[in-house]
Amino acid sequence: MAHLTLAKELGAPPPHGKPYSVIVPGSEKEGRSPIYRHHRFKDGPLKTLDPNVLTAHDMFENTGSVPTMTVENPC
């Protein structure tokens, strides 16, 4: 499941001395703070971890294909 690998990679911290978030260029407005984004997605937000899940309905449909957790299979 590639999306689980991607989720794990995204959870990793940035290199030492680098910020966790970056300012979105052009988002600064007087009297407001700029918009910040995850350091790995400075060019645009993450749309999905799994390309097969793009909507809430896709998520609902996908839950039936996820293996059930049991004592023998604790995920």
PDB file of N, CA and C in Angstrom:
ATOM      1  N   MET A   1       0.841  -1.180   0.000  1.00  0.00           N
ATOM      2  CA  MET A   1       0.000   0.000   0.000  1.00  0.00           C
ATOM      3  C   MET A   1       0.882   1.238   0.000  1.00  0.00           C
ATOM      4  N   ALA A   2       1.041   1.792  -1.173  1.00  0.00           N
ATOM      5  CA  ALA A   2       1.926   2.936  -1.368  1.00  0.00           C
ATOM      6  C   ALA A   2       1.490   4.154  -0.570  1.00  0.00           C
ATOM      7  N   HIS A   3       0.172   4.316  -0.372  1.00  0.00           N
ATOM      8  CA  HIS A   3      -0.298   5.495   0.355  1.00  0.00           C
ATOM      9  C   HIS A   3       0.128   5.465   1.818  1.00  0.00           C
ATOM     10  N   LEU A   4       0.303   4.273   2.394  1.00  0.00           N
ATOM     11  CA  LEU A   4       0.776   4.186   3.777  1.00  0.00           C
ATOM     12  C   LEU A   4       2.260   4.564   3.853  1.00  0.00           C
ATOM     13  N   THR A   5       3.019   4.177   2.847  1.00  0.00           N
ATOM     14  CA  THR A   5       4.433   4.554   2.783  1.00  0.00           C
ATOM     15  C   THR A   5       4.557   6.068   2.643  1.00  0.00           C
ATOM     16  N   LEU A   6       3.728   6.659   1.790  1.00  0.00           N
ATOM     17  CA  LEU A   6       3.749   8.107   1.598  1.00  0.00           C
ATOM     18  C   LEU A   6       3.382   8.820   2.900  1.00  0.00           C
ATOM     19  N   ALA A   7       2.385   8.320   3.607  1.00  0.00           N
ATOM     20  CA  ALA A   7       1.983   8.932   4.883  1.00  0.00           C
ATOM     21  C   ALA A   7       3.136   8.900   5.877  1.00  0.00           C
ATOM     22  N   LYS A   8       3.858   7.800   5.913  1.00  0.00           N
ATOM     23  CA  LYS A   8       5.005   7.688   6.819  1.00  0.00           C
ATOM     24  C   LYS A   8       6.105   8.678   6.437  1.00  0.00           C
ATOM     25  N   GLU A   9       6.364   8.817   5.145  1.00  0.00           N
ATOM     26  CA  GLU A   9       7.384   9.768   4.675  1.00  0.00           C
ATOM     27  C   GLU A   9       7.005  11.204   5.026  1.00  0.00           C
ATOM     28  N   LEU A  10       5.726  11.542   4.877  1.00  0.00           N
ATOM     29  CA  LEU A  10       5.272  12.901   5.160  1.00  0.00           C
ATOM     30  C   LEU A  10       5.347  13.228   6.642  1.00  0.00           C
ATOM     31  N   GLY A  11       5.289  12.199   7.480  1.00  0.00           N
ATOM     32  CA  GLY A  11       5.371  12.407   8.920  1.00  0.00           C
ATOM     33  C   GLY A  11       6.790  12.649   9.409  1.00  0.00           C
ATOM     34  N   ALA A  12       7.761  12.390   8.550  1.00  0.00           N
ATOM     35  CA  ALA A  12       9.161  12.595   8.938  1.00  0.00           C
ATOM     36  C   ALA A  12       9.452  14.094   9.049  1.00  0.00           C
ATOM     37  N   PRO A  13      10.226  14.485  10.041  1.00  0.00           N
ATOM     38  CA  PRO A  13      10.552  15.909  10.188  1.00  0.00           C
ATOM     39  C   PRO A  13      11.476  16.391   9.071  1.00  0.00           C
ATOM     40  N   PRO A  14      11.522  17.698   8.860  1.00  0.00           N
ATOM     41  CA  PRO A  14      12.434  18.237   7.840  1.00  0.00           C
ATOM     42  C   PRO A  14      13.883  18.098   8.303  1.00  0.00           C
ATOM     43  N   PRO A  15      14.816  18.307   7.408  1.00  0.00           N
ATOM     44  CA  PRO A  15      16.229  18.248   7.816  1.00  0.00           C
ATOM     45  C   PRO A  15      16.508  19.231   8.960  1.00  0.00           C
ATOM     46  N   HIS A  16      17.508  18.903   9.759  1.00  0.00           N
ATOM     47  CA  HIS A  16      17.867  19.738  10.904  1.00  0.00           C
ATOM     48  C   HIS A  16      18.116  21.180  10.464  1.00  0.00           C
ATOM     49  N   GLY A  17      17.497  22.104  11.172  1.00  0.00           N
ATOM     50  CA  GLY A  17      17.671  23.516  10.869  1.00  0.00           C
ATOM     51  C   GLY A  17      16.706  24.073   9.839  1.00  0.00           C
ATOM     52  N   LYS A  18      15.903  23.206   9.223  1.00  0.00           N
ATOM     53  CA  LYS A  18      14.920  23.654   8.228  1.00  0.00           C
ATOM     54  C   LYS A  18      13.551  23.760   8.898  1.00  0.00           C
ATOM     55  N   PRO A  19      12.689  24.677   8.437  1.00  0.00           N
ATOM     56  CA  PRO A  19      11.375  24.849   9.062  1.00  0.00           C
ATOM     57  C   PRO A  19      10.398  23.731   8.694  1.00  0.00           C
ATOM     58  N   TYR A  20       9.435  23.498   9.588  1.00  0.00           N
ATOM     59  CA  TYR A  20       8.379  22.519   9.333  1.00  0.00           C
ATOM     60  C   TYR A  20       7.356  23.061   8.337  1.00  0.00           C
ATOM     61  N   SER A  21       7.222  24.362   8.283  1.00  0.00           N
ATOM     62  CA  SER A  21       6.270  24.970   7.357  1.00  0.00           C
ATOM     63  C   SER A  21       6.941  26.129   6.636  1.00  0.00           C
ATOM     64  N   VAL A  22       6.400  26.448   5.470  1.00  0.00           N
ATOM     65  CA  VAL A  22       6.949  27.535   4.665  1.00  0.00           C
ATOM     66  C   VAL A  22       5.822  28.507   4.308  1.00  0.00           C
ATOM     67  N   ILE A  23       6.190  29.753   4.091  1.00  0.00           N
ATOM     68  CA  ILE A  23       5.213  30.776   3.735  1.00  0.00           C
ATOM     69  C   ILE A  23       4.829  30.619   2.268  1.00  0.00           C
ATOM     70  N   VAL A  24       3.533  30.691   1.998  1.00  0.00           N
ATOM     71  CA  VAL A  24       3.048  30.667   0.613  1.00  0.00           C
ATOM     72  C   VAL A  24       3.326  32.042   0.014  1.00  0.00           C
ATOM     73  N   PRO A  25       4.132  32.114  -1.044  1.00  0.00           N
ATOM     74  CA  PRO A  25       4.460  33.414  -1.642  1.00  0.00           C
ATOM     75  C   PRO A  25       3.198  34.172  -2.067  1.00  0.00           C
ATOM     76  N   GLY A  26       3.178  35.458  -1.778  1.00  0.00           N
ATOM     77  CA  GLY A  26       2.057  36.294  -2.161  1.00  0.00           C
ATOM     78  C   GLY A  26       0.867  36.233  -1.218  1.00  0.00           C
ATOM     79  N   SER A  27       0.991  35.490  -0.109  1.00  0.00           N
ATOM     80  CA  SER A  27      -0.146  35.356   0.807  1.00  0.00           C
ATOM     81  C   SER A  27      -0.136  36.404   1.914  1.00  0.00           C
ATOM     82  N   GLU A  28       0.911  37.226   1.953  1.00  0.00           N
ATOM     83  CA  GLU A  28       0.994  38.246   3.000  1.00  0.00           C
ATOM     84  C   GLU A  28      -0.028  39.352   2.734  1.00  0.00           C
ATOM     85  N   LYS A  29      -0.771  39.741   3.788  1.00  0.00           N
ATOM     86  CA  LYS A  29      -1.719  40.849   3.703  1.00  0.00           C
ATOM     87  C   LYS A  29      -1.546  41.706   4.948  1.00  0.00           C
ATOM     88  N   GLU A  30      -1.708  42.985   4.793  1.00  0.00           N
ATOM     89  CA  GLU A  30      -1.544  43.895   5.918  1.00  0.00           C
ATOM     90  C   GLU A  30      -2.535  43.536   7.031  1.00  0.00           C
ATOM     91  N   GLY A  31      -2.010  43.444   8.243  1.00  0.00           N
ATOM     92  CA  GLY A  31      -2.840  43.126   9.395  1.00  0.00           C
ATOM     93  C   GLY A  31      -3.106  41.637   9.580  1.00  0.00           C
ATOM     94  N   ARG A  32      -2.552  40.820   8.726  1.00  0.00           N
ATOM     95  CA  ARG A  32      -2.755  39.368   8.820  1.00  0.00           C
ATOM     96  C   ARG A  32      -1.415  38.649   8.679  1.00  0.00           C
ATOM     97  N   SER A  33      -1.361  37.475   9.244  1.00  0.00           N
ATOM     98  CA  SER A  33      -0.150  36.684   9.073  1.00  0.00           C
ATOM     99  C   SER A  33      -0.213  35.987   7.714  1.00  0.00           C
ATOM    100  N   PRO A  34       0.943  35.630   7.156  1.00  0.00           N
ATOM    101  CA  PRO A  34       0.934  34.927   5.868  1.00  0.00           C
ATOM    102  C   PRO A  34       0.385  33.508   6.036  1.00  0.00           C
ATOM    103  N   ILE A  35       0.047  32.901   4.935  1.00  0.00           N
ATOM    104  CA  ILE A  35      -0.414  31.511   4.943  1.00  0.00           C
ATOM    105  C   ILE A  35       0.818  30.613   4.935  1.00  0.00           C
ATOM    106  N   TYR A  36       0.784  29.590   5.779  1.00  0.00           N
ATOM    107  CA  TYR A  36       1.886  28.634   5.859  1.00  0.00           C
ATOM    108  C   TYR A  36       1.432  27.289   5.321  1.00  0.00           C
ATOM    109  N   ARG A  37       2.372  26.549   4.769  1.00  0.00           N
ATOM    110  CA  ARG A  37       2.086  25.240   4.215  1.00  0.00           C
ATOM    111  C   ARG A  37       3.194  24.272   4.644  1.00  0.00           C
ATOM    112  N   HIS A  38       2.875  22.992   4.674  1.00  0.00           N
ATOM    113  CA  HIS A  38       3.830  21.932   5.010  1.00  0.00           C
ATOM    114  C   HIS A  38       5.083  22.081   4.148  1.00  0.00           C
ATOM    115  N   HIS A  39       6.231  21.854   4.735  1.00  0.00           N
ATOM    116  CA  HIS A  39       7.496  22.079   4.016  1.00  0.00           C
ATOM    117  C   HIS A  39       7.637  21.258   2.738  1.00  0.00           C
ATOM    118  N   ARG A  40       6.951  20.151   2.615  1.00  0.00           N
ATOM    119  CA  ARG A  40       7.053  19.339   1.397  1.00  0.00           C
ATOM    120  C   ARG A  40       6.052  19.756   0.314  1.00  0.00           C
ATOM    121  N   PHE A  41       5.138  20.666   0.658  1.00  0.00           N
ATOM    122  CA  PHE A  41       4.091  21.050  -0.285  1.00  0.00           C
ATOM    123  C   PHE A  41       4.045  22.552  -0.487  1.00  0.00           C
ATOM    124  N   LYS A  42       5.211  23.132  -0.744  1.00  0.00           N
ATOM    125  CA  LYS A  42       5.250  24.584  -0.914  1.00  0.00           C
ATOM    126  C   LYS A  42       4.614  25.039  -2.228  1.00  0.00           C
ATOM    127  N   ASP A  43       4.509  24.141  -3.215  1.00  0.00           N
ATOM    128  CA  ASP A  43       3.930  24.509  -4.509  1.00  0.00           C
ATOM    129  C   ASP A  43       2.425  24.265  -4.597  1.00  0.00           C
ATOM    130  N   GLY A  44       1.854  23.581  -3.632  1.00  0.00           N
ATOM    131  CA  GLY A  44       0.417  23.301  -3.643  1.00  0.00           C
ATOM    132  C   GLY A  44       0.075  22.300  -2.559  1.00  0.00           C
ATOM    133  N   PRO A  45      -1.172  22.287  -2.117  1.00  0.00           N
ATOM    134  CA  PRO A  45      -1.553  21.373  -1.037  1.00  0.00           C
ATOM    135  C   PRO A  45      -1.595  19.914  -1.500  1.00  0.00           C
ATOM    136  N   LEU A  46      -1.480  19.016  -0.540  1.00  0.00           N
ATOM    137  CA  LEU A  46      -1.626  17.587  -0.803  1.00  0.00           C
ATOM    138  C   LEU A  46      -3.089  17.317  -1.093  1.00  0.00           C
ATOM    139  N   LYS A  47      -3.381  16.659  -2.194  1.00  0.00           N
ATOM    140  CA  LYS A  47      -4.769  16.383  -2.565  1.00  0.00           C
ATOM    141  C   LYS A  47      -5.238  15.041  -2.001  1.00  0.00           C
ATOM    142  N   THR A  48      -4.372  14.033  -2.018  1.00  0.00           N
ATOM    143  CA  THR A  48      -4.754  12.711  -1.518  1.00  0.00           C
ATOM    144  C   THR A  48      -3.500  11.867  -1.299  1.00  0.00           C
ATOM    145  N   LEU A  49      -3.580  10.954  -0.361  1.00  0.00           N
ATOM    146  CA  LEU A  49      -2.502   9.982  -0.175  1.00  0.00           C
ATOM    147  C   LEU A  49      -2.705   8.795  -1.105  1.00  0.00           C
ATOM    148  N   ASP A  50      -3.965   8.491  -1.387  1.00  0.00           N
ATOM    149  CA  ASP A  50      -4.317   7.356  -2.234  1.00  0.00           C
ATOM    150  C   ASP A  50      -5.032   7.882  -3.479  1.00  0.00           C
ATOM    151  N   PRO A  51      -4.475   7.703  -4.670  1.00  0.00           N
ATOM    152  CA  PRO A  51      -5.103   8.226  -5.881  1.00  0.00           C
ATOM    153  C   PRO A  51      -6.500   7.669  -6.144  1.00  0.00           C
ATOM    154  N   ASN A  52      -6.843   6.562  -5.501  1.00  0.00           N
ATOM    155  CA  ASN A  52      -8.184   5.992  -5.662  1.00  0.00           C
ATOM    156  C   ASN A  52      -9.211   6.647  -4.749  1.00  0.00           C
ATOM    157  N   VAL A  53      -8.754   7.482  -3.823  1.00  0.00           N
ATOM    158  CA  VAL A  53      -9.653   8.138  -2.877  1.00  0.00           C
ATOM    159  C   VAL A  53      -9.542   9.650  -3.071  1.00  0.00           C
ATOM    160  N   LEU A  54     -10.520  10.204  -3.786  1.00  0.00           N
ATOM    161  CA  LEU A  54     -10.516  11.637  -4.083  1.00  0.00           C
ATOM    162  C   LEU A  54     -11.701  12.368  -3.452  1.00  0.00           C
ATOM    163  N   THR A  55     -12.737  11.624  -3.053  1.00  0.00           N
ATOM    164  CA  THR A  55     -13.929  12.235  -2.467  1.00  0.00           C
ATOM    165  C   THR A  55     -14.322  11.492  -1.203  1.00  0.00           C
ATOM    166  N   ALA A  56     -15.258  12.075  -0.445  1.00  0.00           N
ATOM    167  CA  ALA A  56     -15.761  11.402   0.757  1.00  0.00           C
ATOM    168  C   ALA A  56     -16.442  10.090   0.372  1.00  0.00           C
ATOM    169  N   HIS A  57     -17.115  10.078  -0.767  1.00  0.00           N
ATOM    170  CA  HIS A  57     -17.764   8.838  -1.213  1.00  0.00           C
ATOM    171  C   HIS A  57     -16.715   7.769  -1.542  1.00  0.00           C
ATOM    172  N   ASP A  58     -15.626   8.168  -2.179  1.00  0.00           N
ATOM    173  CA  ASP A  58     -14.533   7.222  -2.446  1.00  0.00           C
ATOM    174  C   ASP A  58     -14.014   6.634  -1.141  1.00  0.00           C
ATOM    175  N   MET A  59     -13.891   7.476  -0.125  1.00  0.00           N
ATOM    176  CA  MET A  59     -13.402   7.013   1.173  1.00  0.00           C
ATOM    177  C   MET A  59     -14.367   5.983   1.756  1.00  0.00           C
ATOM    178  N   PHE A  60     -15.665   6.281   1.668  1.00  0.00           N
ATOM    179  CA  PHE A  60     -16.685   5.350   2.154  1.00  0.00           C
ATOM    180  C   PHE A  60     -16.601   4.023   1.415  1.00  0.00           C
ATOM    181  N   GLU A  61     -16.533   4.078   0.095  1.00  0.00           N
ATOM    182  CA  GLU A  61     -16.454   2.864  -0.705  1.00  0.00           C
ATOM    183  C   GLU A  61     -15.180   2.071  -0.410  1.00  0.00           C
ATOM    184  N   ASN A  62     -14.095   2.755  -0.129  1.00  0.00           N
ATOM    185  CA  ASN A  62     -12.804   2.117   0.108  1.00  0.00           C
ATOM    186  C   ASN A  62     -12.744   1.413   1.460  1.00  0.00           C
ATOM    187  N   THR A  63     -13.575   1.824   2.414  1.00  0.00           N
ATOM    188  CA  THR A  63     -13.513   1.205   3.744  1.00  0.00           C
ATOM    189  C   THR A  63     -13.872  -0.271   3.708  1.00  0.00           C
ATOM    190  N   GLY A  64     -14.666  -0.688   2.746  1.00  0.00           N
ATOM    191  CA  GLY A  64     -15.024  -2.097   2.636  1.00  0.00           C
ATOM    192  C   GLY A  64     -13.866  -2.962   2.185  1.00  0.00           C
ATOM    193  N   SER A  65     -12.857  -2.369   1.578  1.00  0.00           N
ATOM    194  CA  SER A  65     -11.725  -3.152   1.083  1.00  0.00           C
ATOM    195  C   SER A  65     -10.559  -3.191   2.062  1.00  0.00           C
ATOM    196  N   VAL A  66     -10.692  -2.507   3.196  1.00  0.00           N
ATOM    197  CA  VAL A  66      -9.626  -2.490   4.199  1.00  0.00           C
ATOM    198  C   VAL A  66      -9.736  -3.757   5.042  1.00  0.00           C
ATOM    199  N   PRO A  67      -8.635  -4.480   5.260  1.00  0.00           N
ATOM    200  CA  PRO A  67      -8.698  -5.699   6.061  1.00  0.00           C
ATOM    201  C   PRO A  67      -9.174  -5.399   7.488  1.00  0.00           C
ATOM    202  N   THR A  68      -9.963  -6.314   8.026  1.00  0.00           N
ATOM    203  CA  THR A  68     -10.472  -6.162   9.380  1.00  0.00           C
ATOM    204  C   THR A  68      -9.382  -6.541  10.384  1.00  0.00           C
ATOM    205  N   MET A  69      -9.285  -5.750  11.444  1.00  0.00           N
ATOM    206  CA  MET A  69      -8.295  -6.027  12.481  1.00  0.00           C
ATOM    207  C   MET A  69      -8.804  -7.168  13.364  1.00  0.00           C
ATOM    208  N   THR A  70      -7.966  -8.165  13.588  1.00  0.00           N
ATOM    209  CA  THR A  70      -8.286  -9.294  14.446  1.00  0.00           C
ATOM    210  C   THR A  70      -7.098  -9.560  15.363  1.00  0.00           C
ATOM    211  N   VAL A  71      -7.270 -10.501  16.269  1.00  0.00           N
ATOM    212  CA  VAL A  71      -6.164 -10.869  17.158  1.00  0.00           C
ATOM    213  C   VAL A  71      -5.014 -11.442  16.332  1.00  0.00           C
ATOM    214  N   GLU A  72      -5.342 -12.240  15.326  1.00  0.00           N
ATOM    215  CA  GLU A  72      -4.314 -12.837  14.478  1.00  0.00           C
ATOM    216  C   GLU A  72      -3.695 -11.811  13.525  1.00  0.00           C
ATOM    217  N   ASN A  73      -4.468 -10.786  13.163  1.00  0.00           N
ATOM    218  CA  ASN A  73      -4.014  -9.767  12.227  1.00  0.00           C
ATOM    219  C   ASN A  73      -4.229  -8.387  12.851  1.00  0.00           C
ATOM    220  N   PRO A  74      -3.309  -7.958  13.774  1.00  0.00           N
ATOM    221  CA  PRO A  74      -3.511  -6.673  14.464  1.00  0.00           C
ATOM    222  C   PRO A  74      -3.115  -5.468  13.638  1.00  0.00           C
ATOM    223  N   CYS A  75      -3.123  -5.599  12.336  1.00  0.00           N
ATOM    224  CA  CYS A  75      -2.762  -4.543  11.370  1.00  0.00           C
ATOM    225  C   CYS A  75      -1.288  -4.425  11.365  1.00  0.00           C
TER     226      CYS A  75
END
